C-alpha atoms as a PDB file:
ATOM      1  CA  SER A   1     -16.054  21.301  -3.366  1.00  0.00           C
ATOM      2  CA  TYR A   2     -12.466  22.272  -2.688  1.00  0.00           C
ATOM      3  CA  GLN A   3     -11.981  25.531  -0.633  1.00  0.00           C
ATOM      4  CA  TRP A   4      -8.389  27.141  -1.295  1.00  0.00           C
ATOM      5  CA  TRP A   5      -6.290  29.354   0.726  1.00  0.00           C
ATOM      6  CA  ASN A   6      -2.934  29.709  -0.594  1.00  0.00           C
ATOM      7  CA  ALA A   7      -1.655  30.385  -4.557  1.00  0.00           C
ATOM      8  CA  LEU A   8       1.970  30.555  -5.919  1.00  0.00           C
ATOM      9  CA  TYR A   9       3.703  30.306  -8.685  1.00  0.00           C
ATOM     10  CA  ASP A  10       7.220  28.557  -8.550  1.00  0.00           C
ATOM     11  CA  GLY A  11       8.227  29.572 -11.889  1.00  0.00           C
ATOM     12  CA  THR A  12       6.999  26.738 -13.772  1.00  0.00           C
ATOM     13  CA  GLN A  13       3.565  26.078 -12.521  1.00  0.00           C
ATOM     14  CA  PHE A  14       0.765  27.233 -10.359  1.00  0.00           C
ATOM     15  CA  VAL A  15       0.319  25.644  -6.871  1.00  0.00           C
ATOM     16  CA  LEU A  16      -2.737  25.743  -4.329  1.00  0.00           C
ATOM     17  CA  LEU A  17      -3.333  24.755  -1.190  1.00  0.00           C
ATOM     18  CA  GLY A  18      -6.367  24.170   0.662  1.00  0.00           C
ATOM     19  CA  TYR A  19      -9.025  21.743   1.868  1.00  0.00           C
ATOM     20  CA  GLN A  20     -12.070  19.615   1.128  1.00  0.00           C
ATOM     21  CA  PHE A  21     -14.806  18.491   3.319  1.00  0.00           C
ATOM     22  CA  SER A  22     -12.892  20.017   6.606  1.00  0.00           C
ATOM     23  CA  GLU A  23      -9.400  17.596   5.849  1.00  0.00           C
ATOM     24  CA  ASP A  24      -6.449  20.033   5.192  1.00  0.00           C
ATOM     25  CA  GLY A  25      -3.974  19.077   2.879  1.00  0.00           C
ATOM     26  CA  TYR A  26      -5.023  19.202  -0.665  1.00  0.00           C
ATOM     27  CA  ILE A  27      -2.863  20.176  -3.576  1.00  0.00           C
ATOM     28  CA  SER A  28      -3.572  21.045  -6.755  1.00  0.00           C
ATOM     29  CA  THR A  29      -1.311  22.111  -9.812  1.00  0.00           C
ATOM     30  CA  SER A  30      -1.124  23.795 -13.216  1.00  0.00           C
ATOM     31  CA  THR A  31       1.270  25.020 -15.593  1.00  0.00           C
ATOM     32  CA  ASP A  32      -1.235  27.192 -17.729  1.00  0.00           C
ATOM     33  CA  GLY A  33      -3.625  28.717 -14.667  1.00  0.00           C
ATOM     34  CA  ARG A  34      -6.788  27.099 -16.267  1.00  0.00           C
ATOM     35  CA  THR A  35      -6.158  23.522 -16.334  1.00  0.00           C
ATOM     36  CA  TRP A  36      -5.554  22.027 -13.300  1.00  0.00           C
ATOM     37  CA  GLU A  37      -4.263  18.423 -12.173  1.00  0.00           C
ATOM     38  CA  THR A  38      -6.143  16.504  -9.905  1.00  0.00           C
ATOM     39  CA  SER A  39      -5.503  17.871  -6.546  1.00  0.00           C
ATOM     40  CA  SER A  40      -3.749  15.444  -4.276  1.00  0.00           C
ATOM     41  CA  TYR A  41      -4.582  15.022  -0.246  1.00  0.00           C
ATOM     42  CA  ILE A  42      -1.199  15.592   1.723  1.00  0.00           C
ATOM     43  CA  ASP A  43      -2.057  12.996   4.297  1.00  0.00           C
ATOM     44  CA  ALA A  44       1.431  14.681   6.180  1.00  0.00           C
ATOM     45  CA  LEU A  45      -0.666  18.231   5.959  1.00  0.00           C
ATOM     46  CA  LYS A  46      -4.316  17.331   7.277  1.00  0.00           C
ATOM     47  CA  GLN A  47      -5.914  18.793  10.214  1.00  0.00           C
ATOM     48  CA  LYS A  48      -3.306  21.701  10.544  1.00  0.00           C
ATOM     49  CA  GLU A  49      -5.649  24.886   9.015  1.00  0.00           C
ATOM     50  CA  TRP A  50      -2.970  25.420   6.181  1.00  0.00           C
ATOM     51  CA  ARG A  51      -4.739  28.875   5.748  1.00  0.00           C
ATOM     52  CA  GLY A  52      -1.867  30.899   6.734  1.00  0.00           C
ATOM     53  CA  CYS A  53       1.195  31.340   4.095  1.00  0.00           C
ATOM     54  CA  PHE A  54       2.446  29.552   1.175  1.00  0.00           C
ATOM     55  CA  ILE A  55       5.958  30.346  -0.605  1.00  0.00           C
ATOM     56  CA  TYR A  56       8.540  28.489  -2.684  1.00  0.00           C
ATOM     57  CA  ASP A  57      12.176  29.926  -1.985  1.00  0.00           C
ATOM     58  CA  GLY A  58      13.736  28.553  -5.090  1.00  0.00           C
ATOM     59  CA  SER A  59      14.310  25.252  -3.723  1.00  0.00           C
ATOM     60  CA  GLN A  60      11.487  24.308  -1.295  1.00  0.00           C
ATOM     61  CA  TYR A  61       7.901  24.995  -0.796  1.00  0.00           C
ATOM     62  CA  MET A  62       7.072  26.334   2.637  1.00  0.00           C
ATOM     63  CA  ALA A  63       3.718  26.462   4.635  1.00  0.00           C
ATOM     64  CA  ILE A  64       3.178  27.946   7.801  1.00  0.00           C
ATOM     65  CA  SER A  65      -0.412  27.188   9.611  1.00  0.00           C
ATOM     66  CA  TYR A  66      -2.871  29.224  10.853  1.00  0.00           C
ATOM     67  CA  ASN A  67      -1.892  27.982  14.139  1.00  0.00           C
ATOM     68  CA  GLY A  68       1.782  27.918  13.475  1.00  0.00           C
ATOM     69  CA  TYR A  69       2.700  24.572  12.529  1.00  0.00           C
ATOM     70  CA  ILE A  70       5.847  25.229   9.608  1.00  0.00           C
ATOM     71  CA  ALA A  71       5.882  22.252   6.692  1.00  0.00           C
ATOM     72  CA  THR A  72       8.371  21.657   4.069  1.00  0.00           C
ATOM     73  CA  SER A  73       8.594  20.171   0.867  1.00  0.00           C
ATOM     74  CA  THR A  74      10.779  19.767  -2.470  1.00  0.00           C
ATOM     75  CA  ASP A  75       8.501  18.223  -4.783  1.00  0.00           C
ATOM     76  CA  LEU A  76       5.028  19.014  -3.263  1.00  0.00           C
ATOM     77  CA  GLU A  77       4.607  15.223  -2.208  1.00  0.00           C
ATOM     78  CA  THR A  78       6.672  14.923   0.730  1.00  0.00           C
ATOM     79  CA  TRP A  79       6.417  16.917   3.249  1.00  0.00           C
ATOM     80  CA  THR A  80       8.004  17.396   6.708  1.00  0.00           C
ATOM     81  CA  VAL A  81       5.784  19.044   9.492  1.00  0.00           C
ATOM     82  CA  SER A  82       7.277  20.349  12.287  1.00  0.00           C
ATOM     83  CA  SER A  83       6.343  19.112  15.855  1.00  0.00           C
ATOM     84  CA  SER A  84       6.493  22.327  17.659  1.00  0.00           C
ATOM     85  CA  THR A  85       4.733  25.584  16.684  1.00  0.00           C
ATOM     86  CA  LEU A  86       5.318  29.497  16.414  1.00  0.00           C
ATOM     87  CA  GLY A  87       2.350  29.950  18.537  1.00  0.00           C
ATOM     88  CA  SER A  88      -1.243  30.322  17.488  1.00  0.00           C
ATOM     89  CA  ASN A  89      -0.966  33.799  16.230  1.00  0.00           C
ATOM     90  CA  SER A  90      -3.190  33.334  13.549  1.00  0.00           C
ATOM     91  CA  TRP A  91      -0.528  33.565  10.808  1.00  0.00           C
ATOM     92  CA  ARG A  92      -1.393  34.895   7.339  1.00  0.00           C
ATOM     93  CA  GLY A  93       1.362  36.058   5.547  1.00  0.00           C
ATOM     94  CA  LEU A  94       5.102  34.758   4.876  1.00  0.00           C
ATOM     95  CA  THR A  95       8.209  35.968   2.882  1.00  0.00           C
ATOM     96  CA  TYR A  96      11.354  34.982   1.773  1.00  0.00           C
ATOM     97  CA  ALA A  97      14.487  37.251   1.130  1.00  0.00           C
ATOM     98  CA  PRO A  98      17.241  35.097   0.547  1.00  0.00           C
ATOM     99  CA  ASN A  99      20.053  38.149   0.964  1.00  0.00           C
ATOM    100  CA  ASN A 100      18.491  39.051   4.553  1.00  0.00           C
ATOM    101  CA  THR A 101      19.663  38.024   8.127  1.00  0.00           C
ATOM    102  CA  TYR A 102      16.181  36.760   8.548  1.00  0.00           C
ATOM    103  CA  LYS A 103      15.634  34.647   5.600  1.00  0.00           C
ATOM    104  CA  TYR A 104      11.751  34.033   5.945  1.00  0.00           C
ATOM    105  CA  ILE A 105       9.625  36.372   7.999  1.00  0.00           C
ATOM    106  CA  ALA A 106       5.814  35.492   9.087  1.00  0.00           C
ATOM    107  CA  ILE A 107       3.596  38.022  10.128  1.00  0.00           C
ATOM    108  CA  GLY A 108       0.337  37.201  12.012  1.00  0.00           C
ATOM    109  CA  ASN A 109      -2.211  38.857  14.144  1.00  0.00           C
ATOM    110  CA  GLU A 110      -1.993  41.721  16.965  1.00  0.00           C
ATOM    111  CA  GLY A 111       1.311  42.429  15.430  1.00  0.00           C
ATOM    112  CA  ARG A 112       3.439  39.382  15.806  1.00  0.00           C
ATOM    113  CA  ILE A 113       5.818  38.430  13.703  1.00  0.00           C
ATOM    114  CA  GLY A 114       8.237  35.491  13.326  1.00  0.00           C
ATOM    115  CA  TYR A 115      11.284  34.786  11.951  1.00  0.00           C
END
């Protein structure tokens, strides 16, 4: 069964990000929040623990893994995952503010803040 860690609404659809049987990187979508498209496995997202954060900023999806990797996608199918991390701070939240100096702010354990 699937374990969903993150959910968002991008203005046209609901999107879930999670894992199945210890394999991270599953995405499922729905236009009404009740009927879900079959979950897709995204190989680029495997084994990075995408339990941290998941947002849509109007042009791209962004996820920060629990251990600090950053992934971006414009279509939910092709993902670019950073080779470096924000550090293993158990990242738990991410927000986007388009008119701010720091457009993306992430929060983690022990009062950590990433920009």
